[in-house]
């Protein structure tokens, strides 16, 4: 009688361990998949920001062709682009530190502000705005700003999906066990920063 009871307890223990292992395996695999999705989207965010940064030297060079163009505005754009380059984040892995992401956002925001100022000032230079090269750069810059907005939103969506999983029961147990941490979101650090700067011009 005691032997059968012991065997029954051992059987229940084996079933429990198998069940726990199955849930743990599924939870771990799901977290890995969602974490990879966040990292992949982060790489895409970095890609669109880099696309914008790559346009700036051509833009500055084009604008410098106007001899009397405000030098302080060009200096501000150049310095803002340089400050973006000093904020180094791993392009292959989404940041887990909210302060790092905030620093990245702040640098990118300063660049957006500098670009907006350059574009406003350029309104005073009809000859500059009439050049095909300037118009092309403005179209590409507008496209980049729109892509940045879209990719940031996609990043927040996949990060939210991942964070919900990390904080939901019973996955939270395995997330803590295997070291999965929540990811920070892109936020608007300054009022209106969530919208792309206006770069549309009337080239008539």
N, C-alpha and C. Protein backbone atom coordinates (compact mmCIF):
# COMPACT_ATOMS: atom_id res chain seq x y z
N UNK A 1 0.84 -1.21 0.00
CA UNK A 1 0.00 0.00 0.00
C UNK A 1 0.87 1.26 0.00
N UNK A 2 1.90 1.25 0.90
CA UNK A 2 2.80 2.40 0.98
C UNK A 2 3.59 2.55 -0.31
N UNK A 3 3.96 1.38 -0.89
CA UNK A 3 4.73 1.41 -2.13
C UNK A 3 3.93 2.03 -3.27
N UNK A 4 2.65 1.67 -3.38
CA UNK A 4 1.82 2.21 -4.45
C UNK A 4 1.58 3.71 -4.26
N UNK A 5 1.46 4.13 -2.99
CA UNK A 5 1.28 5.56 -2.70
C UNK A 5 2.53 6.34 -3.10
N UNK A 6 3.70 5.73 -2.78
CA UNK A 6 4.96 6.37 -3.13
C UNK A 6 5.12 6.48 -4.65
N UNK A 7 4.76 5.41 -5.33
CA UNK A 7 4.82 5.43 -6.80
C UNK A 7 3.86 6.47 -7.38
N UNK A 8 2.70 6.59 -6.76
CA UNK A 8 1.73 7.59 -7.21
C UNK A 8 2.27 9.01 -7.04
N UNK A 9 2.92 9.25 -5.89
CA UNK A 9 3.51 10.57 -5.63
C UNK A 9 4.64 10.87 -6.62
N UNK A 10 5.46 9.85 -6.88
CA UNK A 10 6.55 10.01 -7.85
C UNK A 10 6.00 10.29 -9.25
N UNK A 11 4.91 9.60 -9.59
CA UNK A 11 4.28 9.81 -10.89
C UNK A 11 3.76 11.23 -11.03
N UNK A 12 3.11 11.73 -9.94
CA UNK A 12 2.61 13.11 -9.96
C UNK A 12 3.75 14.11 -10.07
N UNK A 13 4.85 13.82 -9.37
CA UNK A 13 6.01 14.70 -9.43
C UNK A 13 6.61 14.76 -10.83
N UNK A 14 6.69 13.58 -11.48
CA UNK A 14 7.21 13.52 -12.85
C UNK A 14 6.31 14.31 -13.80
N UNK A 15 4.99 14.12 -13.64
CA UNK A 15 4.04 14.84 -14.49
C UNK A 15 4.17 16.35 -14.27
N UNK A 16 4.30 16.75 -12.99
CA UNK A 16 4.44 18.17 -12.66
C UNK A 16 5.71 18.75 -13.28
N UNK A 17 6.82 18.02 -13.16
CA UNK A 17 8.09 18.49 -13.72
C UNK A 17 8.03 18.59 -15.24
N UNK A 18 7.40 17.60 -15.87
CA UNK A 18 7.25 17.64 -17.32
C UNK A 18 6.39 18.82 -17.75
N UNK A 19 5.30 19.04 -17.02
CA UNK A 19 4.39 20.13 -17.32
C UNK A 19 5.11 21.49 -17.16
N UNK A 20 5.85 21.61 -16.04
CA UNK A 20 6.60 22.85 -15.78
C UNK A 20 7.66 23.07 -16.86
N UNK A 21 8.34 21.98 -17.24
CA UNK A 21 9.36 22.08 -18.28
C UNK A 21 8.77 22.50 -19.61
N UNK A 22 7.58 21.95 -19.92
CA UNK A 22 6.90 22.29 -21.17
C UNK A 22 6.51 23.77 -21.18
N UNK A 23 5.92 24.24 -20.09
CA UNK A 23 5.53 25.66 -20.00
C UNK A 23 6.78 26.54 -20.05
N UNK A 24 7.81 26.12 -19.33
CA UNK A 24 9.06 26.90 -19.32
C UNK A 24 9.69 26.99 -20.70
N UNK A 25 9.69 25.86 -21.41
CA UNK A 25 10.26 25.85 -22.76
C UNK A 25 9.48 26.75 -23.71
N UNK A 26 8.17 26.66 -23.64
CA UNK A 26 7.32 27.50 -24.50
C UNK A 26 7.49 28.97 -24.15
N UNK A 27 7.55 29.28 -22.86
CA UNK A 27 7.71 30.67 -22.43
C UNK A 27 9.06 31.21 -22.88
N UNK A 28 10.10 30.43 -22.70
CA UNK A 28 11.45 30.86 -23.09
C UNK A 28 11.52 31.11 -24.59
N UNK A 29 11.00 30.17 -25.37
CA UNK A 29 11.03 30.33 -26.83
C UNK A 29 10.24 31.54 -27.29
N UNK A 30 9.09 31.75 -26.65
CA UNK A 30 8.28 32.92 -26.99
C UNK A 30 8.99 34.23 -26.67
N UNK A 31 9.67 34.27 -25.52
CA UNK A 31 10.40 35.48 -25.14
C UNK A 31 11.57 35.74 -26.09
N UNK A 32 12.26 34.68 -26.48
CA UNK A 32 13.37 34.83 -27.42
C UNK A 32 12.87 35.39 -28.74
N UNK A 33 11.77 34.83 -29.23
CA UNK A 33 11.20 35.27 -30.51
C UNK A 33 10.80 36.75 -30.44
N UNK A 34 10.14 37.14 -29.36
CA UNK A 34 9.68 38.53 -29.23
C UNK A 34 10.85 39.49 -28.99
N UNK A 35 11.85 39.03 -28.25
CA UNK A 35 13.03 39.86 -28.04
C UNK A 35 13.78 40.09 -29.35
N UNK A 36 13.85 39.05 -30.17
CA UNK A 36 14.49 39.19 -31.48
C UNK A 36 13.71 40.15 -32.38
N UNK A 37 12.39 40.13 -32.25
CA UNK A 37 11.56 41.05 -33.05
C UNK A 37 11.84 42.51 -32.64
N UNK A 38 12.01 42.74 -31.34
CA UNK A 38 12.33 44.09 -30.86
C UNK A 38 13.70 44.52 -31.38
N UNK A 39 14.67 43.61 -31.31
CA UNK A 39 16.02 43.93 -31.79
C UNK A 39 16.03 44.22 -33.29
N UNK A 40 15.26 43.44 -34.04
CA UNK A 40 15.19 43.65 -35.49
C UNK A 40 14.57 45.01 -35.81
N UNK A 41 13.54 45.37 -35.06
CA UNK A 41 12.89 46.67 -35.30
C UNK A 41 13.79 47.81 -34.86
N UNK A 42 14.58 47.58 -33.80
CA UNK A 42 15.53 48.61 -33.37
C UNK A 42 16.56 48.87 -34.48
N UNK A 43 17.03 47.80 -35.12
CA UNK A 43 17.98 47.95 -36.22
C UNK A 43 17.36 48.78 -37.35
N UNK A 44 16.07 48.60 -37.58
CA UNK A 44 15.39 49.36 -38.62
C UNK A 44 15.27 50.84 -38.23
N UNK A 45 15.02 51.10 -36.95
CA UNK A 45 14.98 52.49 -36.46
C UNK A 45 16.34 53.14 -36.68
N UNK A 46 17.40 52.44 -36.31
CA UNK A 46 18.76 52.96 -36.50
C UNK A 46 19.03 53.23 -37.98
N UNK A 47 18.51 52.35 -38.82
CA UNK A 47 18.71 52.47 -40.27
C UNK A 47 18.10 53.77 -40.82
N UNK A 48 16.88 54.09 -40.39
CA UNK A 48 16.23 55.30 -40.92
C UNK A 48 16.87 56.56 -40.36
N UNK A 49 17.31 56.51 -39.10
CA UNK A 49 18.03 57.66 -38.55
C UNK A 49 19.35 57.86 -39.30
N UNK A 50 20.03 56.76 -39.63
CA UNK A 50 21.29 56.87 -40.37
C UNK A 50 21.06 57.43 -41.76
N UNK A 51 19.95 57.04 -42.37
CA UNK A 51 19.61 57.56 -43.70
C UNK A 51 19.50 59.08 -43.65
N UNK A 52 18.85 59.59 -42.61
CA UNK A 52 18.73 61.05 -42.46
C UNK A 52 20.10 61.68 -42.24
N UNK A 53 20.92 61.07 -41.38
CA UNK A 53 22.25 61.61 -41.11
C UNK A 53 23.11 61.65 -42.37
N UNK A 54 22.93 60.65 -43.24
CA UNK A 54 23.71 60.59 -44.48
C UNK A 54 23.32 61.69 -45.47
N UNK A 55 22.09 62.18 -45.37
CA UNK A 55 21.64 63.25 -46.26
C UNK A 55 22.22 64.62 -45.88
N UNK A 56 22.56 64.78 -44.61
CA UNK A 56 22.91 66.10 -44.10
C UNK A 56 24.18 66.69 -44.74
N UNK A 57 25.28 65.93 -44.90
CA UNK A 57 26.45 66.54 -45.54
C UNK A 57 26.14 67.11 -46.93
N UNK A 58 25.33 66.37 -47.72
CA UNK A 58 24.94 66.87 -49.04
C UNK A 58 24.09 68.14 -48.93
N UNK A 59 23.20 68.14 -47.95
CA UNK A 59 22.34 69.31 -47.73
C UNK A 59 23.19 70.53 -47.35
N UNK A 60 24.10 70.34 -46.41
CA UNK A 60 24.97 71.44 -45.96
C UNK A 60 25.81 71.95 -47.12
N UNK A 61 26.35 71.03 -47.91
CA UNK A 61 27.18 71.43 -49.05
C UNK A 61 26.38 72.24 -50.07
N UNK A 62 25.15 71.80 -50.31
CA UNK A 62 24.28 72.52 -51.25
C UNK A 62 23.96 73.92 -50.75
N UNK A 63 23.63 74.01 -49.46
CA UNK A 63 23.27 75.30 -48.87
C UNK A 63 24.48 76.23 -48.82
N UNK A 64 25.67 75.68 -48.60
CA UNK A 64 26.88 76.51 -48.54
C UNK A 64 27.14 77.24 -49.86
N UNK A 65 26.53 76.74 -50.94
CA UNK A 65 26.66 77.40 -52.24
C UNK A 65 26.11 78.81 -52.23
N UNK A 66 25.18 79.09 -51.32
CA UNK A 66 24.67 80.46 -51.17
C UNK A 66 25.62 81.19 -50.23
N UNK A 67 26.42 82.07 -50.79
CA UNK A 67 27.52 82.68 -50.04
C UNK A 67 27.06 83.42 -48.79
N UNK A 68 25.89 84.03 -48.85
CA UNK A 68 25.44 84.83 -47.70
C UNK A 68 24.51 84.06 -46.77
N UNK A 69 24.42 82.73 -46.94
CA UNK A 69 23.54 81.94 -46.08
C UNK A 69 24.07 81.99 -44.64
N UNK A 70 23.15 82.01 -43.68
CA UNK A 70 23.52 82.13 -42.26
C UNK A 70 24.48 81.02 -41.84
N UNK A 71 25.72 81.40 -41.53
CA UNK A 71 26.74 80.42 -41.14
C UNK A 71 26.40 79.76 -39.81
N UNK A 72 25.79 80.52 -38.89
CA UNK A 72 25.46 79.97 -37.57
C UNK A 72 24.47 78.81 -37.69
N UNK A 73 23.56 78.91 -38.65
CA UNK A 73 22.57 77.83 -38.86
C UNK A 73 23.25 76.57 -39.36
N UNK A 74 24.17 76.75 -40.31
CA UNK A 74 24.92 75.59 -40.83
C UNK A 74 25.77 74.96 -39.74
N UNK A 75 26.38 75.80 -38.90
CA UNK A 75 27.21 75.30 -37.80
C UNK A 75 26.36 74.49 -36.83
N UNK A 76 25.15 74.99 -36.55
CA UNK A 76 24.24 74.30 -35.63
C UNK A 76 23.87 72.93 -36.16
N UNK A 77 23.59 72.82 -37.45
CA UNK A 77 23.24 71.54 -38.06
C UNK A 77 24.43 70.58 -38.00
N UNK A 78 25.61 71.08 -38.34
CA UNK A 78 26.81 70.25 -38.35
C UNK A 78 27.13 69.74 -36.95
N UNK A 79 27.03 70.63 -35.96
CA UNK A 79 27.32 70.22 -34.58
C UNK A 79 26.28 69.23 -34.05
N UNK A 80 25.01 69.44 -34.41
CA UNK A 80 23.95 68.52 -33.97
C UNK A 80 24.15 67.13 -34.58
N UNK A 81 24.56 67.10 -35.85
CA UNK A 81 24.83 65.80 -36.48
C UNK A 81 26.01 65.11 -35.80
N UNK A 82 27.03 65.88 -35.43
CA UNK A 82 28.20 65.32 -34.75
C UNK A 82 27.80 64.77 -33.37
N UNK A 83 26.91 65.46 -32.67
CA UNK A 83 26.49 64.99 -31.34
C UNK A 83 25.70 63.69 -31.43
N UNK A 84 24.96 63.53 -32.53
CA UNK A 84 24.24 62.27 -32.75
C UNK A 84 25.24 61.12 -32.89
N UNK A 85 26.33 61.39 -33.60
CA UNK A 85 27.35 60.37 -33.80
C UNK A 85 28.06 59.96 -32.52
N UNK A 86 28.05 60.84 -31.52
CA UNK A 86 28.73 60.53 -30.25
C UNK A 86 27.88 59.64 -29.35
N UNK A 87 26.58 59.56 -29.61
CA UNK A 87 25.71 58.68 -28.82
C UNK A 87 25.77 57.29 -29.44
N UNK A 88 26.54 56.43 -28.84
CA UNK A 88 26.75 55.10 -29.43
C UNK A 88 25.84 54.07 -28.75
N UNK A 89 24.98 53.49 -29.55
CA UNK A 89 24.13 52.40 -29.09
C UNK A 89 24.29 51.23 -30.05
N UNK A 90 24.22 50.03 -29.51
CA UNK A 90 24.36 48.83 -30.33
C UNK A 90 23.21 48.77 -31.33
N UNK A 91 23.55 48.77 -32.63
CA UNK A 91 22.51 48.75 -33.66
C UNK A 91 21.82 47.40 -33.75
N UNK A 92 22.46 46.34 -33.22
CA UNK A 92 21.90 44.99 -33.37
C UNK A 92 21.04 44.58 -32.18
N UNK A 93 21.03 45.40 -31.12
CA UNK A 93 20.27 45.03 -29.93
C UNK A 93 19.57 46.25 -29.36
N UNK A 94 18.28 46.13 -29.13
CA UNK A 94 17.51 47.25 -28.58
C UNK A 94 18.00 47.59 -27.18
N UNK A 95 18.07 48.88 -26.85
CA UNK A 95 18.55 49.27 -25.51
C UNK A 95 17.60 48.80 -24.42
N UNK A 96 18.18 48.40 -23.30
CA UNK A 96 17.36 48.00 -22.14
C UNK A 96 17.38 49.08 -21.07
N UNK A 97 18.25 50.07 -21.27
CA UNK A 97 18.37 51.17 -20.32
C UNK A 97 17.60 52.38 -20.86
N UNK A 98 16.59 52.80 -20.10
CA UNK A 98 15.75 53.93 -20.54
C UNK A 98 16.56 55.21 -20.67
N UNK A 99 17.59 55.40 -19.84
CA UNK A 99 18.41 56.62 -19.91
C UNK A 99 19.21 56.66 -21.21
N UNK A 100 19.70 55.50 -21.64
CA UNK A 100 20.43 55.44 -22.91
C UNK A 100 19.53 55.85 -24.08
N UNK A 101 18.32 55.30 -24.08
CA UNK A 101 17.38 55.63 -25.16
C UNK A 101 16.99 57.11 -25.10
N UNK A 102 16.84 57.64 -23.89
CA UNK A 102 16.50 59.06 -23.74
C UNK A 102 17.62 59.95 -24.27
N UNK A 103 18.87 59.56 -24.01
CA UNK A 103 20.02 60.32 -24.51
C UNK A 103 20.06 60.29 -26.05
N UNK A 104 19.78 59.11 -26.61
CA UNK A 104 19.71 58.95 -28.07
C UNK A 104 18.62 59.85 -28.64
N UNK A 105 17.44 59.82 -28.01
CA UNK A 105 16.32 60.65 -28.45
C UNK A 105 16.65 62.13 -28.38
N UNK A 106 17.32 62.54 -27.30
CA UNK A 106 17.64 63.95 -27.12
C UNK A 106 18.58 64.43 -28.23
N UNK A 107 19.59 63.63 -28.55
CA UNK A 107 20.52 64.01 -29.61
C UNK A 107 19.81 64.09 -30.95
N UNK A 108 18.95 63.12 -31.23
CA UNK A 108 18.20 63.13 -32.48
C UNK A 108 17.24 64.31 -32.53
N UNK A 109 16.67 64.65 -31.37
CA UNK A 109 15.76 65.80 -31.30
C UNK A 109 16.47 67.11 -31.58
N UNK A 110 17.70 67.25 -31.08
CA UNK A 110 18.49 68.45 -31.35
C UNK A 110 18.79 68.57 -32.84
N UNK A 111 19.06 67.43 -33.47
CA UNK A 111 19.31 67.45 -34.91
C UNK A 111 18.04 67.85 -35.67
N UNK A 112 16.90 67.32 -35.25
CA UNK A 112 15.63 67.70 -35.89
C UNK A 112 15.38 69.20 -35.76
N UNK A 113 15.65 69.75 -34.58
CA UNK A 113 15.46 71.19 -34.35
C UNK A 113 16.38 72.01 -35.25
N UNK A 114 17.65 71.58 -35.34
CA UNK A 114 18.61 72.30 -36.18
C UNK A 114 18.20 72.25 -37.65
N UNK A 115 17.73 71.08 -38.09
CA UNK A 115 17.26 70.95 -39.48
C UNK A 115 16.05 71.83 -39.74
N UNK A 116 15.13 71.87 -38.78
CA UNK A 116 13.94 72.71 -38.93
C UNK A 116 14.34 74.17 -39.08
N UNK A 117 15.31 74.60 -38.27
CA UNK A 117 15.79 76.00 -38.37
C UNK A 117 16.41 76.26 -39.74
N UNK A 118 17.22 75.32 -40.22
CA UNK A 118 17.85 75.49 -41.53
C UNK A 118 16.79 75.62 -42.62
N UNK A 119 15.75 74.80 -42.52
CA UNK A 119 14.70 74.82 -43.54
C UNK A 119 13.89 76.11 -43.49
N UNK A 120 13.67 76.63 -42.29
CA UNK A 120 12.95 77.90 -42.16
C UNK A 120 13.78 79.04 -42.75
N UNK A 121 15.07 79.06 -42.39
CA UNK A 121 15.96 80.11 -42.89
C UNK A 121 16.07 80.06 -44.41
N UNK A 122 16.07 78.85 -44.96
CA UNK A 122 16.23 78.71 -46.41
C UNK A 122 15.07 79.33 -47.19
N UNK A 123 13.94 79.58 -46.50
CA UNK A 123 12.81 80.25 -47.16
C UNK A 123 13.21 81.64 -47.67
N UNK A 124 14.23 82.22 -47.04
CA UNK A 124 14.68 83.56 -47.44
C UNK A 124 15.61 83.54 -48.66
N UNK A 125 15.83 82.34 -49.21
CA UNK A 125 16.77 82.21 -50.33
C UNK A 125 16.08 81.53 -51.51
N UNK A 126 15.28 82.29 -52.26
CA UNK A 126 14.51 81.68 -53.36
C UNK A 126 15.40 81.03 -54.42
N UNK A 127 16.60 81.58 -54.66
CA UNK A 127 17.49 80.97 -55.65
C UNK A 127 17.93 79.58 -55.19
N UNK A 128 18.20 79.46 -53.89
CA UNK A 128 18.58 78.16 -53.33
C UNK A 128 17.43 77.17 -53.46
N UNK A 129 16.24 77.60 -53.11
CA UNK A 129 15.08 76.71 -53.15
C UNK A 129 14.71 76.30 -54.57
N UNK A 130 15.15 77.09 -55.52
CA UNK A 130 14.82 76.80 -56.92
C UNK A 130 15.73 75.73 -57.52
N UNK A 131 16.86 75.42 -56.86
CA UNK A 131 17.79 74.44 -57.44
C UNK A 131 17.23 73.03 -57.31
N UNK A 132 17.48 72.25 -58.34
CA UNK A 132 16.95 70.88 -58.36
C UNK A 132 17.56 70.03 -57.24
N UNK A 133 18.85 70.23 -56.99
CA UNK A 133 19.53 69.45 -55.96
C UNK A 133 18.91 69.70 -54.58
N UNK A 134 18.61 70.97 -54.29
CA UNK A 134 18.01 71.32 -53.00
C UNK A 134 16.62 70.70 -52.88
N UNK A 135 15.85 70.80 -53.96
CA UNK A 135 14.49 70.23 -53.93
C UNK A 135 14.53 68.72 -53.71
N UNK A 136 15.47 68.05 -54.39
CA UNK A 136 15.61 66.59 -54.22
C UNK A 136 15.97 66.22 -52.79
N UNK A 137 16.91 66.98 -52.22
CA UNK A 137 17.32 66.71 -50.84
C UNK A 137 16.17 66.93 -49.88
N UNK A 138 15.37 67.97 -50.12
CA UNK A 138 14.22 68.24 -49.25
C UNK A 138 13.19 67.10 -49.32
N UNK A 139 12.98 66.58 -50.53
CA UNK A 139 12.04 65.46 -50.71
C UNK A 139 12.55 64.22 -49.97
N UNK A 140 13.86 63.97 -50.08
CA UNK A 140 14.44 62.81 -49.39
C UNK A 140 14.40 62.99 -47.88
N UNK A 141 14.64 64.22 -47.43
CA UNK A 141 14.60 64.50 -45.99
C UNK A 141 13.19 64.33 -45.44
N UNK A 142 12.22 64.81 -46.18
CA UNK A 142 10.83 64.64 -45.76
C UNK A 142 10.48 63.16 -45.66
N UNK A 143 10.92 62.39 -46.67
CA UNK A 143 10.68 60.95 -46.64
C UNK A 143 11.34 60.29 -45.45
N UNK A 144 12.55 60.74 -45.12
CA UNK A 144 13.27 60.18 -43.97
C UNK A 144 12.54 60.47 -42.66
N UNK A 145 12.06 61.69 -42.51
CA UNK A 145 11.35 62.05 -41.29
C UNK A 145 10.08 61.22 -41.13
N UNK A 146 9.38 61.00 -42.24
CA UNK A 146 8.18 60.17 -42.18
C UNK A 146 8.51 58.73 -41.82
N UNK A 147 9.60 58.20 -42.40
CA UNK A 147 10.02 56.83 -42.09
C UNK A 147 10.41 56.70 -40.62
N UNK A 148 11.09 57.72 -40.10
CA UNK A 148 11.49 57.69 -38.69
C UNK A 148 10.26 57.57 -37.80
N UNK A 149 9.25 58.38 -38.09
CA UNK A 149 8.01 58.33 -37.30
C UNK A 149 7.37 56.95 -37.36
N UNK A 150 7.30 56.38 -38.55
CA UNK A 150 6.67 55.06 -38.74
C UNK A 150 7.47 53.98 -38.01
N UNK A 151 8.79 53.97 -38.18
CA UNK A 151 9.62 52.92 -37.59
C UNK A 151 9.67 53.02 -36.07
N UNK A 152 9.64 54.23 -35.54
CA UNK A 152 9.58 54.39 -34.08
C UNK A 152 8.28 53.82 -33.53
N UNK A 153 7.17 54.05 -34.23
CA UNK A 153 5.90 53.52 -33.78
C UNK A 153 5.90 52.00 -33.83
N UNK A 154 6.47 51.44 -34.90
CA UNK A 154 6.57 49.98 -35.00
C UNK A 154 7.42 49.42 -33.86
N UNK A 155 8.51 50.13 -33.55
CA UNK A 155 9.37 49.70 -32.44
C UNK A 155 8.57 49.66 -31.14
N UNK A 156 7.82 50.72 -30.86
CA UNK A 156 7.01 50.75 -29.64
C UNK A 156 5.99 49.62 -29.62
N UNK A 157 5.44 49.28 -30.78
CA UNK A 157 4.44 48.20 -30.84
C UNK A 157 5.06 46.85 -30.47
N UNK A 158 6.22 46.52 -31.08
CA UNK A 158 6.83 45.22 -30.79
C UNK A 158 7.41 45.20 -29.37
N UNK A 159 7.90 46.36 -28.90
CA UNK A 159 8.41 46.43 -27.53
C UNK A 159 7.28 46.22 -26.53
N UNK A 160 6.10 46.79 -26.81
CA UNK A 160 4.95 46.61 -25.93
C UNK A 160 4.53 45.14 -25.88
N UNK A 161 4.50 44.48 -27.04
CA UNK A 161 4.13 43.07 -27.10
C UNK A 161 5.11 42.23 -26.27
N UNK A 162 6.39 42.53 -26.40
CA UNK A 162 7.43 41.83 -25.63
C UNK A 162 7.26 42.11 -24.13
N UNK A 163 7.07 43.39 -23.77
CA UNK A 163 6.97 43.76 -22.35
C UNK A 163 5.75 43.13 -21.68
N UNK A 164 4.66 43.04 -22.41
CA UNK A 164 3.46 42.39 -21.86
C UNK A 164 3.77 40.93 -21.53
N UNK A 165 4.49 40.26 -22.43
CA UNK A 165 4.86 38.86 -22.20
C UNK A 165 5.78 38.73 -20.99
N UNK A 166 6.77 39.62 -20.90
CA UNK A 166 7.73 39.57 -19.80
C UNK A 166 7.05 39.75 -18.45
N UNK A 167 5.98 40.53 -18.42
CA UNK A 167 5.32 40.86 -17.15
C UNK A 167 4.08 40.02 -16.88
N UNK A 168 3.74 39.11 -17.78
CA UNK A 168 2.52 38.31 -17.61
C UNK A 168 2.84 36.98 -16.92
N UNK A 169 1.90 36.50 -16.12
CA UNK A 169 2.04 35.21 -15.45
C UNK A 169 1.57 34.10 -16.39
N UNK A 170 2.25 32.96 -16.48
CA UNK A 170 3.41 32.53 -15.69
C UNK A 170 4.76 32.88 -16.34
N UNK A 171 4.72 33.55 -17.52
CA UNK A 171 5.97 33.84 -18.24
C UNK A 171 6.91 34.69 -17.41
N UNK A 172 6.38 35.56 -16.54
CA UNK A 172 7.22 36.43 -15.72
C UNK A 172 8.20 35.61 -14.87
N UNK A 173 7.80 34.43 -14.45
CA UNK A 173 8.68 33.56 -13.64
C UNK A 173 9.91 33.18 -14.45
N UNK A 174 9.67 32.75 -15.69
CA UNK A 174 10.78 32.31 -16.55
C UNK A 174 11.57 33.49 -17.09
N UNK A 175 10.90 34.64 -17.26
CA UNK A 175 11.61 35.84 -17.70
C UNK A 175 12.64 36.25 -16.65
N UNK A 176 12.23 36.23 -15.37
CA UNK A 176 13.17 36.56 -14.29
C UNK A 176 14.26 35.51 -14.17
N UNK A 177 13.88 34.26 -14.35
CA UNK A 177 14.83 33.16 -14.25
C UNK A 177 15.92 33.24 -15.31
N UNK A 178 15.53 33.60 -16.55
CA UNK A 178 16.48 33.63 -17.67
C UNK A 178 17.00 35.03 -18.00
N UNK A 179 16.65 36.02 -17.18
CA UNK A 179 17.23 37.35 -17.34
C UNK A 179 16.62 38.22 -18.42
N UNK A 180 15.37 37.98 -18.79
CA UNK A 180 14.70 38.86 -19.76
C UNK A 180 14.19 40.09 -19.02
N UNK A 181 14.49 41.27 -19.54
CA UNK A 181 14.08 42.53 -18.92
C UNK A 181 13.21 43.32 -19.89
N UNK A 182 12.37 44.19 -19.34
CA UNK A 182 11.51 45.02 -20.19
C UNK A 182 12.37 46.00 -21.00
N UNK A 183 11.84 46.41 -22.15
CA UNK A 183 12.54 47.36 -23.03
C UNK A 183 11.87 48.73 -22.91
N UNK A 184 12.66 49.80 -22.96
CA UNK A 184 12.06 51.15 -22.92
C UNK A 184 11.40 51.50 -24.25
N UNK A 185 10.51 52.48 -24.20
CA UNK A 185 9.80 52.95 -25.37
C UNK A 185 10.36 54.29 -25.84
N UNK A 186 10.13 54.59 -27.12
CA UNK A 186 10.34 55.95 -27.59
C UNK A 186 9.21 56.80 -27.03
N UNK A 187 9.57 57.96 -26.51
CA UNK A 187 8.55 58.88 -26.00
C UNK A 187 8.85 60.27 -26.54
N UNK A 188 7.89 61.16 -26.46
CA UNK A 188 8.12 62.55 -26.86
C UNK A 188 8.73 63.27 -25.67
N UNK A 189 10.05 63.60 -25.78
CA UNK A 189 10.71 64.25 -24.64
C UNK A 189 10.33 65.73 -24.56
N UNK A 190 10.01 66.31 -25.71
CA UNK A 190 9.55 67.70 -25.71
C UNK A 190 8.20 67.76 -26.41
N UNK A 191 7.33 68.70 -26.04
CA UNK A 191 6.01 68.78 -26.67
C UNK A 191 6.14 68.91 -28.18
N UNK A 192 5.40 68.07 -28.90
CA UNK A 192 5.43 68.12 -30.36
C UNK A 192 6.54 67.30 -30.98
N UNK A 193 7.41 66.68 -30.14
CA UNK A 193 8.54 65.93 -30.68
C UNK A 193 8.10 64.62 -31.33
N UNK A 194 6.85 64.23 -31.06
CA UNK A 194 6.39 62.97 -31.64
C UNK A 194 6.03 63.11 -33.12
N UNK A 195 5.98 64.35 -33.62
CA UNK A 195 5.66 64.55 -35.04
C UNK A 195 6.89 65.00 -35.79
N UNK A 196 7.00 64.55 -37.02
CA UNK A 196 8.16 64.91 -37.84
C UNK A 196 8.14 66.39 -38.15
N UNK A 197 9.33 67.03 -38.17
CA UNK A 197 9.36 68.45 -38.53
C UNK A 197 8.83 68.68 -39.93
N UNK A 198 8.12 69.79 -40.12
CA UNK A 198 7.59 70.09 -41.45
C UNK A 198 8.70 70.51 -42.40
N UNK A 199 8.81 69.84 -43.53
CA UNK A 199 9.85 70.20 -44.48
C UNK A 199 9.27 70.41 -45.88
N UNK A 200 7.99 70.72 -45.93
CA UNK A 200 7.36 70.95 -47.24
C UNK A 200 7.55 72.42 -47.65
N UNK A 201 7.81 72.62 -48.91
CA UNK A 201 8.04 73.96 -49.42
C UNK A 201 7.16 74.21 -50.63
N UNK A 202 6.89 75.48 -50.86
CA UNK A 202 6.21 75.89 -52.08
C UNK A 202 7.29 76.35 -53.04
N UNK A 203 7.61 75.53 -54.03
CA UNK A 203 8.73 75.82 -54.91
C UNK A 203 8.31 76.57 -56.16
N UNK A 204 7.19 77.22 -56.11
CA UNK A 204 6.75 77.97 -57.29
C UNK A 204 7.60 79.20 -57.49
